[in-house]
Amino acid sequence: MEHAVITDKQKQIIRQQAKDYFFITLGILLYSFGYTAFILPEKVVMGGVAGLSALGFYAFSIPPAISMWLINFILLAIAFRAMSKQFTLRTIIGVTIMSLLIGLLQPFFQAFPVITAGEDKFMHVLIGGALGGGGLGLVFSHNGSTGGTDIIIALLNKHFRMSFGRAMQFIDISIISSSYLLFHSTETIVYGVAFTLIASFVCDYIINGARQTVQFIIISKKYEKIADTINKYVHRGVTMIEGKGWYSQSDVKILIVLARKYESQEVFNYIKTIDPDALVSQSFCQGVFGEGFDKIK
């Protein structure tokens, strides 16, 4: 009887998937904690399905865990043909985990609240937004999905050809503004917008912050020593290209270096020590993929 042999490539894929699902679950836990401990007690309405579920809870006492699960699965059923199988599977997993965690945490924080509602509402919204954005950042950076806005945007893009940013703004503003019909308060709308902005900022920072790299373009007569030093002490590759100064009409050597953001000051220090008169251009890159940097997923 032959036994199936798992190749190194398959083991690597399994490890990566296990890592992804661990961080997706951790991200959803962070979001659920911020949502149930800080947002629901303060009766704040944010965008997306979470905001609709919060409205249902404030108006009709419908548990957010149930309404969130139902709304997402209705949207998935409507948008099934517009979604890939992998996206659909990860969305079902993400939505189910989130609904379970919110269902468990909400009654717990009702019995043992971590805040006193109304005492410092803005600070609670700030903490809830940071936790929510950080959680979503972890989920998205590991190829996860919590459904909601993602599904609605896919539908809008298919039928109305609306851009991602515009579609997201339209949905969030509509849901947040509808809270006025329930609370008759512009303050509630302001807090909803604040939560959305904070969560978006933290989410973007988590996704892009770890990937942020720096590109150096260096022009110096001491290019050989600079390149050798960066290779030896910073352990980063250096690419040299031929150039020509248009004003002087003289040939120059141009060094291109890609490094992590935290390595940039070290690179600057070495350049300054070797050639204080070197011409250096520094620019930030959203992400660099390949050997020595992030892997393409």
C-alpha atoms as a PDB file:
ATOM      1  CA  MET A   1       0.000   0.000   0.000  1.00  0.00           C
ATOM      2  CA  GLU A   2       1.515   3.313  -1.085  1.00  0.00           C
ATOM      3  CA  HIS A   3       1.602   6.226   1.301  1.00  0.00           C
ATOM      4  CA  ALA A   4       1.050   9.768   0.067  1.00  0.00           C
ATOM      5  CA  VAL A   5       4.238  11.799   0.307  1.00  0.00           C
ATOM      6  CA  ILE A   6       3.906  15.447   1.237  1.00  0.00           C
ATOM      7  CA  THR A   7       6.427  17.541  -0.650  1.00  0.00           C
ATOM      8  CA  ASP A   8       8.324  20.496   0.834  1.00  0.00           C
ATOM      9  CA  LYS A   9       6.221  22.829  -1.323  1.00  0.00           C
ATOM     10  CA  GLN A  10       2.993  21.359   0.080  1.00  0.00           C
ATOM     11  CA  LYS A  11       4.348  21.650   3.639  1.00  0.00           C
ATOM     12  CA  GLN A  12       5.189  25.286   2.988  1.00  0.00           C
ATOM     13  CA  ILE A  13       1.656  25.945   1.687  1.00  0.00           C
ATOM     14  CA  ILE A  14       0.113  24.208   4.719  1.00  0.00           C
ATOM     15  CA  ARG A  15       2.286  26.243   7.122  1.00  0.00           C
ATOM     16  CA  GLN A  16       1.378  29.478   5.331  1.00  0.00           C
ATOM     17  CA  GLN A  17      -2.347  28.655   5.445  1.00  0.00           C
ATOM     18  CA  ALA A  18      -2.127  27.773   9.143  1.00  0.00           C
ATOM     19  CA  LYS A  19      -0.329  31.079   9.797  1.00  0.00           C
ATOM     20  CA  ASP A  20      -2.944  32.985   7.780  1.00  0.00           C
ATOM     21  CA  TYR A  21      -5.882  31.441   9.646  1.00  0.00           C
ATOM     22  CA  PHE A  22      -4.204  32.082  13.015  1.00  0.00           C
ATOM     23  CA  PHE A  23      -3.780  35.794  12.296  1.00  0.00           C
ATOM     24  CA  ILE A  24      -7.231  36.030  10.676  1.00  0.00           C
ATOM     25  CA  THR A  25      -8.753  34.613  13.877  1.00  0.00           C
ATOM     26  CA  LEU A  26      -6.628  36.943  16.033  1.00  0.00           C
ATOM     27  CA  GLY A  27      -7.675  39.934  13.914  1.00  0.00           C
ATOM     28  CA  ILE A  28     -11.351  39.032  14.161  1.00  0.00           C
ATOM     29  CA  LEU A  29     -10.962  38.621  17.940  1.00  0.00           C
ATOM     30  CA  LEU A  30      -9.492  42.147  18.196  1.00  0.00           C
ATOM     31  CA  TYR A  31     -12.305  43.590  16.078  1.00  0.00           C
ATOM     32  CA  SER A  32     -14.972  41.743  18.064  1.00  0.00           C
ATOM     33  CA  PHE A  33     -13.453  42.938  21.353  1.00  0.00           C
ATOM     34  CA  GLY A  34     -13.442  46.588  20.260  1.00  0.00           C
ATOM     35  CA  TYR A  35     -16.960  46.296  18.821  1.00  0.00           C
ATOM     36  CA  THR A  36     -18.610  44.663  21.853  1.00  0.00           C
ATOM     37  CA  ALA A  37     -16.624  46.284  24.690  1.00  0.00           C
ATOM     38  CA  PHE A  38     -16.371  49.888  23.454  1.00  0.00           C
ATOM     39  CA  ILE A  39     -18.746  50.573  20.559  1.00  0.00           C
ATOM     40  CA  LEU A  40     -22.041  48.846  21.368  1.00  0.00           C
ATOM     41  CA  PRO A  41     -22.219  50.239  24.945  1.00  0.00           C
ATOM     42  CA  GLU A  42     -21.783  53.767  23.561  1.00  0.00           C
ATOM     43  CA  LYS A  43     -24.448  53.234  20.845  1.00  0.00           C
ATOM     44  CA  VAL A  44     -22.190  54.304  17.985  1.00  0.00           C
ATOM     45  CA  VAL A  45     -23.117  53.448  14.387  1.00  0.00           C
ATOM     46  CA  MET A  46     -20.254  52.841  11.954  1.00  0.00           C
ATOM     47  CA  GLY A  47     -20.300  51.862   8.296  1.00  0.00           C
ATOM     48  CA  GLY A  48     -20.732  48.434   6.751  1.00  0.00           C
ATOM     49  CA  VAL A  49     -22.680  45.422   7.952  1.00  0.00           C
ATOM     50  CA  ALA A  50     -21.395  45.987  11.503  1.00  0.00           C
ATOM     51  CA  GLY A  51     -23.147  49.387  11.460  1.00  0.00           C
ATOM     52  CA  LEU A  52     -26.409  47.883  10.153  1.00  0.00           C
ATOM     53  CA  SER A  53     -26.231  45.210  12.853  1.00  0.00           C
ATOM     54  CA  ALA A  54     -25.624  47.875  15.507  1.00  0.00           C
ATOM     55  CA  LEU A  55     -28.682  49.805  14.280  1.00  0.00           C
ATOM     56  CA  GLY A  56     -30.780  46.653  14.492  1.00  0.00           C
ATOM     57  CA  PHE A  57     -29.583  46.078  18.032  1.00  0.00           C
ATOM     58  CA  TYR A  58     -30.272  49.656  19.197  1.00  0.00           C
ATOM     59  CA  ALA A  59     -33.712  49.824  17.544  1.00  0.00           C
ATOM     60  CA  PHE A  60     -35.081  46.270  17.918  1.00  0.00           C
ATOM     61  CA  SER A  61     -32.685  44.513  20.350  1.00  0.00           C
ATOM     62  CA  ILE A  62     -31.670  42.019  17.627  1.00  0.00           C
ATOM     63  CA  PRO A  63     -28.350  40.421  18.682  1.00  0.00           C
ATOM     64  CA  PRO A  64     -25.631  41.785  16.342  1.00  0.00           C
ATOM     65  CA  ALA A  65     -24.071  38.322  16.000  1.00  0.00           C
ATOM     66  CA  ILE A  66     -27.253  36.962  14.412  1.00  0.00           C
ATOM     67  CA  SER A  67     -28.030  39.951  12.174  1.00  0.00           C
ATOM     68  CA  MET A  68     -24.394  40.184  11.032  1.00  0.00           C
ATOM     69  CA  TRP A  69     -24.351  36.515  10.051  1.00  0.00           C
ATOM     70  CA  LEU A  70     -27.727  36.706   8.250  1.00  0.00           C
ATOM     71  CA  ILE A  71     -26.961  39.932   6.347  1.00  0.00           C
ATOM     72  CA  ASN A  72     -23.589  38.622   5.159  1.00  0.00           C
ATOM     73  CA  PHE A  73     -25.008  35.326   3.973  1.00  0.00           C
ATOM     74  CA  ILE A  74     -27.866  37.058   2.145  1.00  0.00           C
ATOM     75  CA  LEU A  75     -25.294  39.292   0.422  1.00  0.00           C
ATOM     76  CA  LEU A  76     -23.145  36.261  -0.397  1.00  0.00           C
ATOM     77  CA  ALA A  77     -26.112  34.487  -1.927  1.00  0.00           C
ATOM     78  CA  ILE A  78     -26.930  37.538  -4.071  1.00  0.00           C
ATOM     79  CA  ALA A  79     -23.309  38.116  -5.135  1.00  0.00           C
ATOM     80  CA  PHE A  80     -22.278  34.457  -5.423  1.00  0.00           C
ATOM     81  CA  ARG A  81     -21.573  34.610  -9.160  1.00  0.00           C
ATOM     82  CA  ALA A  82     -19.438  37.739  -8.806  1.00  0.00           C
ATOM     83  CA  MET A  83     -17.162  36.096  -6.214  1.00  0.00           C
ATOM     84  CA  SER A  84     -14.316  33.621  -6.581  1.00  0.00           C
ATOM     85  CA  LYS A  85     -14.556  30.307  -4.721  1.00  0.00           C
ATOM     86  CA  GLN A  86     -11.588  31.182  -2.510  1.00  0.00           C
ATOM     87  CA  PHE A  87     -13.051  34.573  -1.581  1.00  0.00           C
ATOM     88  CA  THR A  88     -16.432  32.988  -0.828  1.00  0.00           C
ATOM     89  CA  LEU A  89     -14.874  30.282   1.384  1.00  0.00           C
ATOM     90  CA  ARG A  90     -12.691  32.721   3.326  1.00  0.00           C
ATOM     91  CA  THR A  91     -15.650  35.087   3.742  1.00  0.00           C
ATOM     92  CA  ILE A  92     -17.861  32.305   5.130  1.00  0.00           C
ATOM     93  CA  ILE A  93     -15.106  31.302   7.576  1.00  0.00           C
ATOM     94  CA  GLY A  94     -14.419  34.917   8.596  1.00  0.00           C
ATOM     95  CA  VAL A  95     -18.087  35.855   9.036  1.00  0.00           C
ATOM     96  CA  THR A  96     -18.813  32.690  11.038  1.00  0.00           C
ATOM     97  CA  ILE A  97     -15.868  33.236  13.396  1.00  0.00           C
ATOM     98  CA  MET A  98     -16.807  36.902  13.863  1.00  0.00           C
ATOM     99  CA  SER A  99     -20.463  36.093  14.584  1.00  0.00           C
ATOM    100  CA  LEU A 100     -19.468  33.431  17.126  1.00  0.00           C
ATOM    101  CA  LEU A 101     -17.005  35.725  18.905  1.00  0.00           C
ATOM    102  CA  ILE A 102     -19.428  38.672  19.007  1.00  0.00           C
ATOM    103  CA  GLY A 103     -22.161  36.312  20.238  1.00  0.00           C
ATOM    104  CA  LEU A 104     -19.889  35.179  23.081  1.00  0.00           C
ATOM    105  CA  LEU A 105     -18.331  38.539  23.986  1.00  0.00           C
ATOM    106  CA  GLN A 106     -21.421  40.771  23.920  1.00  0.00           C
ATOM    107  CA  PRO A 107     -23.301  39.118  26.835  1.00  0.00           C
ATOM    108  CA  PHE A 108     -19.997  38.852  28.736  1.00  0.00           C
ATOM    109  CA  PHE A 109     -19.339  42.611  28.492  1.00  0.00           C
ATOM    110  CA  GLN A 110     -22.966  43.358  29.317  1.00  0.00           C
ATOM    111  CA  ALA A 111     -22.491  41.424  32.565  1.00  0.00           C
ATOM    112  CA  PHE A 112     -18.933  42.664  33.202  1.00  0.00           C
ATOM    113  CA  PRO A 113     -18.528  46.014  31.391  1.00  0.00           C
ATOM    114  CA  VAL A 114     -15.017  47.367  30.876  1.00  0.00           C
ATOM    115  CA  ILE A 115     -16.277  50.965  30.463  1.00  0.00           C
ATOM    116  CA  THR A 116     -18.954  53.206  31.883  1.00  0.00           C
ATOM    117  CA  ALA A 117     -21.052  54.400  28.938  1.00  0.00           C
ATOM    118  CA  GLY A 118     -21.027  58.163  28.404  1.00  0.00           C
ATOM    119  CA  GLU A 119     -18.096  58.963  30.713  1.00  0.00           C
ATOM    120  CA  ASP A 120     -15.519  59.542  27.966  1.00  0.00           C
ATOM    121  CA  LYS A 121     -17.284  58.672  24.749  1.00  0.00           C
ATOM    122  CA  PHE A 122     -14.665  59.944  22.323  1.00  0.00           C
ATOM    123  CA  MET A 123     -11.894  57.982  24.059  1.00  0.00           C
ATOM    124  CA  HIS A 124     -14.024  54.835  23.887  1.00  0.00           C
ATOM    125  CA  VAL A 125     -14.647  55.416  20.164  1.00  0.00           C
ATOM    126  CA  LEU A 126     -10.906  55.992  19.688  1.00  0.00           C
ATOM    127  CA  ILE A 127     -10.007  52.703  21.414  1.00  0.00           C
ATOM    128  CA  GLY A 128     -12.783  50.804  19.620  1.00  0.00           C
ATOM    129  CA  GLY A 129     -11.690  52.232  16.253  1.00  0.00           C
ATOM    130  CA  ALA A 130      -8.038  51.355  16.878  1.00  0.00           C
ATOM    131  CA  LEU A 131      -8.910  47.785  17.905  1.00  0.00           C
ATOM    132  CA  GLY A 132     -11.330  47.406  14.984  1.00  0.00           C
ATOM    133  CA  GLY A 133      -8.906  48.820  12.428  1.00  0.00           C
ATOM    134  CA  GLY A 134      -5.993  46.805  13.791  1.00  0.00           C
ATOM    135  CA  GLY A 135      -8.077  43.631  13.672  1.00  0.00           C
ATOM    136  CA  LEU A 136      -9.212  44.236  10.101  1.00  0.00           C
ATOM    137  CA  GLY A 137      -5.644  45.072   9.105  1.00  0.00           C
ATOM    138  CA  LEU A 138      -4.483  41.668  10.361  1.00  0.00           C
ATOM    139  CA  VAL A 139      -7.364  39.941   8.557  1.00  0.00           C
ATOM    140  CA  PHE A 140      -6.771  41.688   5.206  1.00  0.00           C
ATOM    141  CA  SER A 141      -2.970  41.367   5.325  1.00  0.00           C
ATOM    142  CA  HIS A 142      -3.382  37.587   5.631  1.00  0.00           C
ATOM    143  CA  ASN A 143      -5.829  37.260   2.724  1.00  0.00           C
ATOM    144  CA  GLY A 144      -8.901  37.041   4.950  1.00  0.00           C
ATOM    145  CA  SER A 145     -12.320  38.614   4.567  1.00  0.00           C
ATOM    146  CA  THR A 146     -15.058  39.601   6.972  1.00  0.00           C
ATOM    147  CA  GLY A 147     -17.614  40.061   4.196  1.00  0.00           C
ATOM    148  CA  GLY A 148     -19.906  43.037   4.515  1.00  0.00           C
ATOM    149  CA  THR A 149     -18.572  45.982   2.540  1.00  0.00           C
ATOM    150  CA  ASP A 150     -16.395  43.732   0.360  1.00  0.00           C
ATOM    151  CA  ILE A 151     -19.490  41.957  -0.979  1.00  0.00           C
ATOM    152  CA  ILE A 152     -21.512  45.145  -1.491  1.00  0.00           C
ATOM    153  CA  ILE A 153     -18.639  46.790  -3.369  1.00  0.00           C
ATOM    154  CA  ALA A 154     -18.255  43.762  -5.639  1.00  0.00           C
ATOM    155  CA  LEU A 155     -21.952  44.095  -6.538  1.00  0.00           C
ATOM    156  CA  LEU A 156     -21.725  47.858  -7.138  1.00  0.00           C
ATOM    157  CA  ASN A 157     -18.630  47.426  -9.297  1.00  0.00           C
ATOM    158  CA  LYS A 158     -20.376  44.783 -11.369  1.00  0.00           C
ATOM    159  CA  HIS A 159     -23.628  46.662 -11.987  1.00  0.00           C
ATOM    160  CA  PHE A 160     -22.666  50.345 -11.718  1.00  0.00           C
ATOM    161  CA  ARG A 161     -18.900  50.340 -12.408  1.00  0.00           C
ATOM    162  CA  MET A 162     -18.340  52.444  -9.298  1.00  0.00           C
ATOM    163  CA  SER A 163     -14.793  52.826  -7.967  1.00  0.00           C
ATOM    164  CA  PHE A 164     -13.806  51.047  -4.736  1.00  0.00           C
ATOM    165  CA  GLY A 165     -13.196  54.234  -2.753  1.00  0.00           C
ATOM    166  CA  ARG A 166     -16.369  55.963  -3.920  1.00  0.00           C
ATOM    167  CA  ALA A 167     -18.487  52.866  -3.292  1.00  0.00           C
ATOM    168  CA  MET A 168     -17.096  52.488   0.231  1.00  0.00           C
ATOM    169  CA  GLN A 169     -17.703  56.146   1.054  1.00  0.00           C
ATOM    170  CA  PHE A 170     -21.262  56.007  -0.303  1.00  0.00           C
ATOM    171  CA  ILE A 171     -22.141  52.902   1.737  1.00  0.00           C
ATOM    172  CA  ASP A 172     -20.558  54.073   4.999  1.00  0.00           C
ATOM    173  CA  ILE A 173     -22.037  57.593   4.834  1.00  0.00           C
ATOM    174  CA  SER A 174     -25.512  56.197   4.087  1.00  0.00           C
ATOM    175  CA  ILE A 175     -25.428  53.797   7.051  1.00  0.00           C
ATOM    176  CA  ILE A 176     -23.904  56.289   9.507  1.00  0.00           C
ATOM    177  CA  SER A 177     -26.338  59.050   8.481  1.00  0.00           C
ATOM    178  CA  SER A 178     -29.312  56.726   8.963  1.00  0.00           C
ATOM    179  CA  SER A 179     -28.540  56.698  12.709  1.00  0.00           C
ATOM    180  CA  TYR A 180     -30.076  60.189  12.840  1.00  0.00           C
ATOM    181  CA  LEU A 181     -33.494  58.646  12.192  1.00  0.00           C
ATOM    182  CA  LEU A 182     -33.113  56.608  15.383  1.00  0.00           C
ATOM    183  CA  PHE A 183     -31.272  58.955  17.752  1.00  0.00           C
ATOM    184  CA  HIS A 184     -32.105  62.395  16.221  1.00  0.00           C
ATOM    185  CA  SER A 185     -28.561  63.451  17.074  1.00  0.00           C
ATOM    186  CA  THR A 186     -25.798  64.788  14.839  1.00  0.00           C
ATOM    187  CA  GLU A 187     -23.343  63.859  17.592  1.00  0.00           C
ATOM    188  CA  THR A 188     -23.965  60.168  16.883  1.00  0.00           C
ATOM    189  CA  ILE A 189     -23.104  60.754  13.211  1.00  0.00           C
ATOM    190  CA  VAL A 190     -19.872  62.540  14.192  1.00  0.00           C
ATOM    191  CA  TYR A 191     -18.817  59.619  16.412  1.00  0.00           C
ATOM    192  CA  GLY A 192     -19.650  57.163  13.619  1.00  0.00           C
ATOM    193  CA  VAL A 193     -17.488  59.102  11.165  1.00  0.00           C
ATOM    194  CA  ALA A 194     -14.690  59.314  13.775  1.00  0.00           C
ATOM    195  CA  PHE A 195     -14.767  55.540  14.283  1.00  0.00           C
ATOM    196  CA  THR A 196     -14.651  54.919  10.519  1.00  0.00           C
ATOM    197  CA  LEU A 197     -11.714  57.310   9.984  1.00  0.00           C
ATOM    198  CA  ILE A 198      -9.715  55.913  12.911  1.00  0.00           C
ATOM    199  CA  ALA A 199     -10.378  52.299  11.914  1.00  0.00           C
ATOM    200  CA  SER A 200      -9.422  53.029   8.278  1.00  0.00           C
ATOM    201  CA  PHE A 201      -6.184  54.750   9.289  1.00  0.00           C
ATOM    202  CA  VAL A 202      -5.089  51.963  11.658  1.00  0.00           C
ATOM    203  CA  CYS A 203      -6.112  49.281   9.132  1.00  0.00           C
ATOM    204  CA  ASP A 204      -3.993  50.920   6.391  1.00  0.00           C
ATOM    205  CA  TYR A 205      -1.082  51.321   8.802  1.00  0.00           C
ATOM    206  CA  ILE A 206      -1.154  47.633   9.768  1.00  0.00           C
ATOM    207  CA  ILE A 207      -1.372  46.510   6.119  1.00  0.00           C
ATOM    208  CA  ASN A 208       1.229  48.884   4.678  1.00  0.00           C
ATOM    209  CA  GLY A 209       3.406  49.763   7.694  1.00  0.00           C
ATOM    210  CA  ALA A 210       5.154  46.403   7.916  1.00  0.00           C
ATOM    211  CA  ARG A 211       5.776  46.373   4.166  1.00  0.00           C
ATOM    212  CA  GLN A 212       7.099  49.905   3.913  1.00  0.00           C
ATOM    213  CA  THR A 213      10.519  50.036   2.340  1.00  0.00           C
ATOM    214  CA  VAL A 214      12.863  52.792   1.267  1.00  0.00           C
ATOM    215  CA  GLN A 215      14.529  53.254  -2.109  1.00  0.00           C
ATOM    216  CA  PHE A 216      17.812  55.151  -2.311  1.00  0.00           C
ATOM    217  CA  ILE A 217      19.302  56.614  -5.475  1.00  0.00           C
ATOM    218  CA  ILE A 218      22.938  57.544  -4.760  1.00  0.00           C
ATOM    219  CA  ILE A 219      25.334  59.457  -7.014  1.00  0.00           C
ATOM    220  CA  SER A 220      28.894  59.612  -5.706  1.00  0.00           C
ATOM    221  CA  LYS A 221      32.474  59.398  -6.960  1.00  0.00           C
ATOM    222  CA  LYS A 222      33.081  56.947  -4.113  1.00  0.00           C
ATOM    223  CA  TYR A 223      30.344  54.627  -5.324  1.00  0.00           C
ATOM    224  CA  GLU A 224      32.463  51.472  -4.994  1.00  0.00           C
ATOM    225  CA  LYS A 225      33.163  51.995  -1.295  1.00  0.00           C
ATOM    226  CA  ILE A 226      29.523  52.945  -0.598  1.00  0.00           C
ATOM    227  CA  ALA A 227      28.241  49.843  -2.419  1.00  0.00           C
ATOM    228  CA  ASP A 228      30.692  47.546  -0.630  1.00  0.00           C
ATOM    229  CA  THR A 229      29.824  49.017   2.780  1.00  0.00           C
ATOM    230  CA  ILE A 230      26.065  48.673   2.266  1.00  0.00           C
ATOM    231  CA  ASN A 231      26.557  45.086   1.062  1.00  0.00           C
ATOM    232  CA  LYS A 232      28.780  44.157   3.984  1.00  0.00           C
ATOM    233  CA  TYR A 233      27.188  45.973   6.932  1.00  0.00           C
ATOM    234  CA  VAL A 234      23.523  46.556   6.005  1.00  0.00           C
ATOM    235  CA  HIS A 235      23.312  43.244   4.105  1.00  0.00           C
ATOM    236  CA  ARG A 236      21.334  44.780   1.257  1.00  0.00           C
ATOM    237  CA  GLY A 237      21.893  44.419  -2.459  1.00  0.00           C
ATOM    238  CA  VAL A 238      23.105  47.342  -4.513  1.00  0.00           C
ATOM    239  CA  THR A 239      22.428  47.850  -8.226  1.00  0.00           C
ATOM    240  CA  MET A 240      24.753  50.066 -10.219  1.00  0.00           C
ATOM    241  CA  ILE A 241      23.655  51.676 -13.480  1.00  0.00           C
ATOM    242  CA  GLU A 242      25.469  53.960 -15.896  1.00  0.00           C
ATOM    243  CA  GLY A 243      24.341  57.556 -16.141  1.00  0.00           C
ATOM    244  CA  LYS A 244      25.367  60.886 -17.615  1.00  0.00           C
ATOM    245  CA  GLY A 245      25.131  64.333 -16.106  1.00  0.00           C
ATOM    246  CA  TRP A 246      23.451  66.546 -18.681  1.00  0.00           C
ATOM    247  CA  TYR A 247      24.966  69.802 -17.431  1.00  0.00           C
ATOM    248  CA  SER A 248      28.526  68.476 -17.032  1.00  0.00           C
ATOM    249  CA  GLN A 249      28.233  65.927 -19.861  1.00  0.00           C
ATOM    250  CA  SER A 250      30.305  63.579 -17.682  1.00  0.00           C
ATOM    251  CA  ASP A 251      29.620  59.900 -17.005  1.00  0.00           C
ATOM    252  CA  VAL A 252      28.375  59.002 -13.521  1.00  0.00           C
ATOM    253  CA  LYS A 253      27.674  55.803 -11.608  1.00  0.00           C
ATOM    254  CA  ILE A 254      24.225  55.580 -10.006  1.00  0.00           C
ATOM    255  CA  LEU A 255      23.560  53.218  -7.106  1.00  0.00           C
ATOM    256  CA  ILE A 256      20.053  51.939  -6.368  1.00  0.00           C
ATOM    257  CA  VAL A 257      19.418  50.421  -2.930  1.00  0.00           C
ATOM    258  CA  LEU A 258      16.210  48.956  -1.494  1.00  0.00           C
ATOM    259  CA  ALA A 259      16.072  48.629   2.298  1.00  0.00           C
ATOM    260  CA  ARG A 260      13.583  48.371   5.129  1.00  0.00           C
ATOM    261  CA  LYS A 261      12.399  51.633   6.650  1.00  0.00           C
ATOM    262  CA  TYR A 262      14.209  50.916   9.935  1.00  0.00           C
ATOM    263  CA  GLU A 263      17.489  50.414   7.995  1.00  0.00           C
ATOM    264  CA  SER A 264      17.346  53.814   6.265  1.00  0.00           C
ATOM    265  CA  GLN A 265      19.210  55.791   8.939  1.00  0.00           C
ATOM    266  CA  GLU A 266      22.006  53.213   8.938  1.00  0.00           C
ATOM    267  CA  VAL A 267      22.361  53.594   5.157  1.00  0.00           C
ATOM    268  CA  PHE A 268      22.465  57.387   5.508  1.00  0.00           C
ATOM    269  CA  ASN A 269      25.140  57.189   8.208  1.00  0.00           C
ATOM    270  CA  TYR A 270      27.423  55.061   6.035  1.00  0.00           C
ATOM    271  CA  ILE A 271      26.966  57.356   3.007  1.00  0.00           C
ATOM    272  CA  LYS A 272      27.675  60.457   5.115  1.00  0.00           C
ATOM    273  CA  THR A 273      30.829  58.882   6.587  1.00  0.00           C
ATOM    274  CA  ILE A 274      32.195  57.848   3.183  1.00  0.00           C
ATOM    275  CA  ASP A 275      31.121  60.835   1.061  1.00  0.00           C
ATOM    276  CA  PRO A 276      29.363  63.784   2.742  1.00  0.00           C
ATOM    277  CA  ASP A 277      28.921  65.419  -0.694  1.00  0.00           C
ATOM    278  CA  ALA A 278      27.080  62.445  -2.250  1.00  0.00           C
ATOM    279  CA  LEU A 279      23.791  63.205  -3.960  1.00  0.00           C
ATOM    280  CA  VAL A 280      21.129  61.013  -2.310  1.00  0.00           C
ATOM    281  CA  SER A 281      17.460  60.668  -3.155  1.00  0.00           C
ATOM    282  CA  GLN A 282      15.185  58.771  -0.751  1.00  0.00           C
ATOM    283  CA  SER A 283      11.637  57.658  -1.511  1.00  0.00           C
ATOM    284  CA  PHE A 284       9.172  55.391   0.283  1.00  0.00           C
ATOM    285  CA  CYS A 285       7.774  52.315  -1.438  1.00  0.00           C
ATOM    286  CA  GLN A 286       4.400  50.807  -0.567  1.00  0.00           C
ATOM    287  CA  GLY A 287       5.918  47.359  -0.758  1.00  0.00           C
ATOM    288  CA  VAL A 288       8.815  45.443  -2.256  1.00  0.00           C
ATOM    289  CA  PHE A 289       8.440  41.770  -3.076  1.00  0.00           C
ATOM    290  CA  GLY A 290      11.131  39.213  -3.789  1.00  0.00           C
ATOM    291  CA  GLU A 291      14.283  37.829  -2.194  1.00  0.00           C
ATOM    292  CA  GLY A 292      15.084  39.551   1.095  1.00  0.00           C
ATOM    293  CA  PHE A 293      11.670  41.246   1.277  1.00  0.00           C
ATOM    294  CA  ASP A 294       8.026  40.101   1.253  1.00  0.00           C
ATOM    295  CA  LYS A 295       6.783  37.104  -0.654  1.00  0.00           C
ATOM    296  CA  ILE A 296       4.183  37.604  -3.355  1.00  0.00           C
ATOM    297  CA  LYS A 297       0.911  36.044  -2.144  1.00  0.00           C
END
